[in-house]
Amino acid sequence: MKSFAGKYILPLVLIGVFFNIFVSFVLDLLPIPESILASYEKSTSNLVGGQVGVMITATVIAAPIIEEVIFRGLALSRLKCAMPVPGAVILSSVFFGLVHGQLLWMAYAFVLGIILAVIAHKTDSILASMCVHMSFNLVGCFMDRVRISDVAATVVCISSLILAVVLLW
């Protein structure tokens, strides 16, 4: 749990925000079979449909802390000792995706896992990946309650990505 430079907090939060909005946007565009979408929507509503305090505690705080300790703190660090970094990133991300259970969650959790693993590796801190993970989950908790147009989603995605890249540079 090494610290990282505070100047990276905003870009890391923006990466989480950007990626969640991007995932939502892509899921709306893909021709996903109705049965998979129904399963995804049911799983998502079960997860974010309860009391807000419990949802925030479980989804935005506890899950990212526990998952980052397990998948980036333990798995990634151990895998990096046994294989080249790219292989460790991919394998830890496969494990991360698989534990999410629902098919669509597994797909984007795998990609998120790669992003989180790269951030943890580059910053040498799982606190940095926790920051991204928490912001991703926070946006996910409220995404279904906020209706934004495709244009607005695109602007937010592109703006967040550009700002994150500029601030990380």
C-alpha atoms as a PDB file:
ATOM      1  CA  MET A   1       0.000   0.000   0.000  1.00  0.00           C
ATOM      2  CA  LYS A   2       2.590   2.516  -1.084  1.00  0.00           C
ATOM      3  CA  SER A   3       1.436   6.068  -1.562  1.00  0.00           C
ATOM      4  CA  PHE A   4       1.513   7.866  -4.895  1.00  0.00           C
ATOM      5  CA  ALA A   5       1.786  11.522  -5.870  1.00  0.00           C
ATOM      6  CA  GLY A   6      -1.372  13.455  -4.969  1.00  0.00           C
ATOM      7  CA  LYS A   7      -1.321  15.214  -8.321  1.00  0.00           C
ATOM      8  CA  TYR A   8      -2.492  11.941  -9.879  1.00  0.00           C
ATOM      9  CA  ILE A   9      -5.732  11.668  -7.899  1.00  0.00           C
ATOM     10  CA  LEU A  10      -7.845  13.749 -10.312  1.00  0.00           C
ATOM     11  CA  PRO A  11      -6.587  11.983 -13.462  1.00  0.00           C
ATOM     12  CA  LEU A  12      -7.121   8.598 -11.822  1.00  0.00           C
ATOM     13  CA  VAL A  13     -10.669   9.500 -10.799  1.00  0.00           C
ATOM     14  CA  LEU A  14     -11.322  10.733 -14.337  1.00  0.00           C
ATOM     15  CA  ILE A  15     -10.060   7.461 -15.773  1.00  0.00           C
ATOM     16  CA  GLY A  16     -12.596   5.592 -13.618  1.00  0.00           C
ATOM     17  CA  VAL A  17     -15.399   7.972 -14.624  1.00  0.00           C
ATOM     18  CA  PHE A  18     -14.422   7.830 -18.292  1.00  0.00           C
ATOM     19  CA  PHE A  19     -14.209   4.058 -18.417  1.00  0.00           C
ATOM     20  CA  ASN A  20     -17.583   3.544 -16.742  1.00  0.00           C
ATOM     21  CA  ILE A  21     -19.342   5.944 -19.107  1.00  0.00           C
ATOM     22  CA  PHE A  22     -17.490   4.365 -22.030  1.00  0.00           C
ATOM     23  CA  VAL A  23     -18.625   0.863 -20.986  1.00  0.00           C
ATOM     24  CA  SER A  24     -22.242   2.039 -20.668  1.00  0.00           C
ATOM     25  CA  PHE A  25     -22.040   3.734 -24.064  1.00  0.00           C
ATOM     26  CA  VAL A  26     -20.543   0.639 -25.748  1.00  0.00           C
ATOM     27  CA  LEU A  27     -23.086  -1.697 -24.144  1.00  0.00           C
ATOM     28  CA  ASP A  28     -25.851   0.442 -25.629  1.00  0.00           C
ATOM     29  CA  LEU A  29     -24.288   0.179 -29.104  1.00  0.00           C
ATOM     30  CA  LEU A  30     -23.453  -3.536 -29.225  1.00  0.00           C
ATOM     31  CA  PRO A  31     -25.969  -6.055 -30.558  1.00  0.00           C
ATOM     32  CA  ILE A  32     -26.056  -8.027 -27.314  1.00  0.00           C
ATOM     33  CA  PRO A  33     -28.573 -10.908 -27.196  1.00  0.00           C
ATOM     34  CA  GLU A  34     -31.660 -10.110 -25.141  1.00  0.00           C
ATOM     35  CA  SER A  35     -31.090 -12.995 -22.707  1.00  0.00           C
ATOM     36  CA  ILE A  36     -27.606 -11.716 -21.803  1.00  0.00           C
ATOM     37  CA  LEU A  37     -28.878  -8.143 -21.453  1.00  0.00           C
ATOM     38  CA  ALA A  38     -31.731  -9.296 -19.212  1.00  0.00           C
ATOM     39  CA  SER A  39     -29.283 -11.196 -16.995  1.00  0.00           C
ATOM     40  CA  TYR A  40     -26.987  -8.159 -16.862  1.00  0.00           C
ATOM     41  CA  GLU A  41     -29.809  -5.765 -16.002  1.00  0.00           C
ATOM     42  CA  LYS A  42     -31.114  -8.101 -13.290  1.00  0.00           C
ATOM     43  CA  SER A  43     -27.649  -8.500 -11.764  1.00  0.00           C
ATOM     44  CA  THR A  44     -27.027  -4.762 -11.903  1.00  0.00           C
ATOM     45  CA  SER A  45     -30.379  -3.862 -10.362  1.00  0.00           C
ATOM     46  CA  ASN A  46     -29.808  -6.404  -7.569  1.00  0.00           C
ATOM     47  CA  LEU A  47     -26.441  -4.827  -6.883  1.00  0.00           C
ATOM     48  CA  VAL A  48     -27.412  -1.155  -6.986  1.00  0.00           C
ATOM     49  CA  GLY A  49     -31.097  -1.384  -6.113  1.00  0.00           C
ATOM     50  CA  GLY A  50     -30.826  -1.446  -2.310  1.00  0.00           C
ATOM     51  CA  GLN A  51     -30.229   1.191   0.284  1.00  0.00           C
ATOM     52  CA  VAL A  52     -27.820   3.846  -0.905  1.00  0.00           C
ATOM     53  CA  GLY A  53     -25.602   3.685   2.191  1.00  0.00           C
ATOM     54  CA  VAL A  54     -25.182  -0.066   1.978  1.00  0.00           C
ATOM     55  CA  MET A  55     -24.646   0.118  -1.790  1.00  0.00           C
ATOM     56  CA  ILE A  56     -21.934   2.783  -1.438  1.00  0.00           C
ATOM     57  CA  THR A  57     -20.209   0.950   1.398  1.00  0.00           C
ATOM     58  CA  ALA A  58     -20.211  -2.403  -0.392  1.00  0.00           C
ATOM     59  CA  THR A  59     -19.724  -1.367  -4.008  1.00  0.00           C
ATOM     60  CA  VAL A  60     -17.678   1.817  -3.832  1.00  0.00           C
ATOM     61  CA  ILE A  61     -15.573   1.227  -0.730  1.00  0.00           C
ATOM     62  CA  ALA A  62     -15.326  -2.429   0.329  1.00  0.00           C
ATOM     63  CA  ALA A  63     -15.264  -4.172  -3.059  1.00  0.00           C
ATOM     64  CA  PRO A  64     -12.517  -2.004  -4.598  1.00  0.00           C
ATOM     65  CA  ILE A  65     -10.340  -2.242  -1.483  1.00  0.00           C
ATOM     66  CA  ILE A  66     -10.703  -6.018  -1.203  1.00  0.00           C
ATOM     67  CA  GLU A  67     -10.384  -6.642  -4.951  1.00  0.00           C
ATOM     68  CA  GLU A  68      -7.331  -4.393  -5.339  1.00  0.00           C
ATOM     69  CA  VAL A  69      -5.567  -6.065  -2.410  1.00  0.00           C
ATOM     70  CA  ILE A  70      -6.306  -9.509  -3.868  1.00  0.00           C
ATOM     71  CA  PHE A  71      -5.877  -8.939  -7.617  1.00  0.00           C
ATOM     72  CA  ARG A  72      -3.263  -6.202  -7.824  1.00  0.00           C
ATOM     73  CA  GLY A  73      -1.618  -6.404  -4.382  1.00  0.00           C
ATOM     74  CA  LEU A  74      -1.289 -10.189  -4.194  1.00  0.00           C
ATOM     75  CA  ALA A  75      -1.960 -11.812  -7.571  1.00  0.00           C
ATOM     76  CA  LEU A  76      -0.293  -9.261  -9.844  1.00  0.00           C
ATOM     77  CA  SER A  77       2.738  -8.807  -7.608  1.00  0.00           C
ATOM     78  CA  ARG A  78       3.272 -12.575  -7.337  1.00  0.00           C
ATOM     79  CA  LEU A  79       2.672 -13.185 -11.031  1.00  0.00           C
ATOM     80  CA  LYS A  80       5.212 -10.457 -11.931  1.00  0.00           C
ATOM     81  CA  CYS A  81       7.819 -12.516 -10.045  1.00  0.00           C
ATOM     82  CA  ALA A  82       6.998 -15.595 -12.131  1.00  0.00           C
ATOM     83  CA  MET A  83       6.519 -14.148 -15.614  1.00  0.00           C
ATOM     84  CA  PRO A  84       6.962 -11.013 -17.721  1.00  0.00           C
ATOM     85  CA  VAL A  85       4.792  -8.043 -16.696  1.00  0.00           C
ATOM     86  CA  PRO A  86       2.429  -8.216 -19.724  1.00  0.00           C
ATOM     87  CA  GLY A  87       1.606 -11.847 -18.945  1.00  0.00           C
ATOM     88  CA  ALA A  88       1.068 -11.039 -15.269  1.00  0.00           C
ATOM     89  CA  VAL A  89      -1.227  -8.144 -16.187  1.00  0.00           C
ATOM     90  CA  ILE A  90      -3.301 -10.311 -18.541  1.00  0.00           C
ATOM     91  CA  LEU A  91      -3.521 -13.319 -16.216  1.00  0.00           C
ATOM     92  CA  SER A  92      -4.457 -11.269 -13.129  1.00  0.00           C
ATOM     93  CA  SER A  93      -7.071  -9.484 -15.260  1.00  0.00           C
ATOM     94  CA  VAL A  94      -8.522 -12.801 -16.440  1.00  0.00           C
ATOM     95  CA  PHE A  95      -8.924 -13.857 -12.793  1.00  0.00           C
ATOM     96  CA  PHE A  96     -10.449 -10.470 -11.958  1.00  0.00           C
ATOM     97  CA  GLY A  97     -12.933 -10.774 -14.814  1.00  0.00           C
ATOM     98  CA  LEU A  98     -13.912 -14.341 -13.958  1.00  0.00           C
ATOM     99  CA  VAL A  99     -14.844 -13.583 -10.347  1.00  0.00           C
ATOM    100  CA  HIS A 100     -17.426 -11.066 -11.531  1.00  0.00           C
ATOM    101  CA  GLY A 101     -19.634 -13.958 -12.653  1.00  0.00           C
ATOM    102  CA  GLN A 102     -22.076 -12.326 -15.058  1.00  0.00           C
ATOM    103  CA  LEU A 103     -20.952 -12.506 -18.721  1.00  0.00           C
ATOM    104  CA  LEU A 104     -20.947  -8.763 -19.474  1.00  0.00           C
ATOM    105  CA  TRP A 105     -19.390  -7.955 -16.100  1.00  0.00           C
ATOM    106  CA  MET A 106     -16.658 -10.493 -16.831  1.00  0.00           C
ATOM    107  CA  ALA A 107     -15.953  -8.886 -20.206  1.00  0.00           C
ATOM    108  CA  TYR A 108     -15.554  -5.339 -19.028  1.00  0.00           C
ATOM    109  CA  ALA A 109     -14.028  -6.357 -15.678  1.00  0.00           C
ATOM    110  CA  PHE A 110     -11.265  -8.041 -17.695  1.00  0.00           C
ATOM    111  CA  VAL A 111     -10.558  -4.784 -19.555  1.00  0.00           C
ATOM    112  CA  LEU A 112     -10.868  -2.765 -16.331  1.00  0.00           C
ATOM    113  CA  GLY A 113      -8.498  -5.272 -14.724  1.00  0.00           C
ATOM    114  CA  ILE A 114      -5.894  -4.519 -17.387  1.00  0.00           C
ATOM    115  CA  ILE A 115      -6.266  -0.768 -16.783  1.00  0.00           C
ATOM    116  CA  LEU A 116      -6.029  -1.238 -13.009  1.00  0.00           C
ATOM    117  CA  ALA A 117      -3.038  -3.575 -13.293  1.00  0.00           C
ATOM    118  CA  VAL A 118      -1.150  -1.163 -15.539  1.00  0.00           C
ATOM    119  CA  ILE A 119      -1.883   1.703 -13.148  1.00  0.00           C
ATOM    120  CA  ALA A 120      -0.802  -0.349 -10.126  1.00  0.00           C
ATOM    121  CA  HIS A 121       2.366  -1.422 -11.941  1.00  0.00           C
ATOM    122  CA  LYS A 122       3.273   2.052 -13.258  1.00  0.00           C
ATOM    123  CA  THR A 123       2.628   3.814  -9.924  1.00  0.00           C
ATOM    124  CA  ASP A 124       3.871   0.891  -7.813  1.00  0.00           C
ATOM    125  CA  SER A 125       0.775   1.477  -5.680  1.00  0.00           C
ATOM    126  CA  ILE A 126      -2.528  -0.331  -5.333  1.00  0.00           C
ATOM    127  CA  LEU A 127      -3.858   2.877  -3.769  1.00  0.00           C
ATOM    128  CA  ALA A 128      -3.769   4.378  -7.269  1.00  0.00           C
ATOM    129  CA  SER A 129      -5.709   1.460  -8.743  1.00  0.00           C
ATOM    130  CA  MET A 130      -8.152   1.655  -5.806  1.00  0.00           C
ATOM    131  CA  CYS A 131      -8.825   5.283  -6.714  1.00  0.00           C
ATOM    132  CA  VAL A 132      -9.745   4.346 -10.294  1.00  0.00           C
ATOM    133  CA  HIS A 133     -11.753   1.316  -9.172  1.00  0.00           C
ATOM    134  CA  MET A 134     -13.735   3.338  -6.613  1.00  0.00           C
ATOM    135  CA  SER A 135     -14.596   6.079  -9.104  1.00  0.00           C
ATOM    136  CA  PHE A 136     -15.590   3.470 -11.710  1.00  0.00           C
ATOM    137  CA  ASN A 137     -17.927   1.759  -9.237  1.00  0.00           C
ATOM    138  CA  LEU A 138     -19.323   5.054  -7.925  1.00  0.00           C
ATOM    139  CA  VAL A 139     -20.377   6.138 -11.408  1.00  0.00           C
ATOM    140  CA  GLY A 140     -21.804   2.660 -12.001  1.00  0.00           C
ATOM    141  CA  CYS A 141     -24.001   2.951  -8.911  1.00  0.00           C
ATOM    142  CA  PHE A 142     -25.773   5.989 -10.291  1.00  0.00           C
ATOM    143  CA  MET A 143     -25.462   5.584 -14.060  1.00  0.00           C
ATOM    144  CA  ASP A 144     -28.910   4.023 -14.424  1.00  0.00           C
ATOM    145  CA  ARG A 145     -30.456   6.910 -12.491  1.00  0.00           C
ATOM    146  CA  VAL A 146     -28.996   9.591 -14.750  1.00  0.00           C
ATOM    147  CA  ARG A 147     -30.088   9.856 -18.340  1.00  0.00           C
ATOM    148  CA  ILE A 148     -27.587  11.536 -20.573  1.00  0.00           C
ATOM    149  CA  SER A 149     -27.657  11.809 -24.307  1.00  0.00           C
ATOM    150  CA  ASP A 150     -25.196   9.976 -26.527  1.00  0.00           C
ATOM    151  CA  VAL A 151     -23.632  13.315 -27.414  1.00  0.00           C
ATOM    152  CA  ALA A 152     -23.175  14.242 -23.746  1.00  0.00           C
ATOM    153  CA  ALA A 153     -21.745  10.799 -22.965  1.00  0.00           C
ATOM    154  CA  THR A 154     -19.311  11.141 -25.849  1.00  0.00           C
ATOM    155  CA  VAL A 155     -18.241  14.623 -24.715  1.00  0.00           C
ATOM    156  CA  VAL A 156     -17.750  13.425 -21.121  1.00  0.00           C
ATOM    157  CA  CYS A 157     -15.775  10.372 -22.282  1.00  0.00           C
ATOM    158  CA  ILE A 158     -13.495  12.309 -24.589  1.00  0.00           C
ATOM    159  CA  SER A 159     -13.038  15.207 -22.154  1.00  0.00           C
ATOM    160  CA  SER A 160     -12.258  12.884 -19.238  1.00  0.00           C
ATOM    161  CA  LEU A 161      -9.815  10.882 -21.305  1.00  0.00           C
ATOM    162  CA  ILE A 162      -7.993  13.967 -22.632  1.00  0.00           C
ATOM    163  CA  LEU A 163      -7.859  15.593 -19.204  1.00  0.00           C
ATOM    164  CA  ALA A 164      -6.612  12.383 -17.587  1.00  0.00           C
ATOM    165  CA  VAL A 165      -3.880  11.987 -20.207  1.00  0.00           C
ATOM    166  CA  VAL A 166      -2.832  15.650 -19.884  1.00  0.00           C
ATOM    167  CA  LEU A 167      -2.746  15.489 -16.082  1.00  0.00           C
ATOM    168  CA  LEU A 168      -0.844  12.194 -16.067  1.00  0.00           C
ATOM    169  CA  TRP A 169       1.681  13.476 -18.600  1.00  0.00           C
END
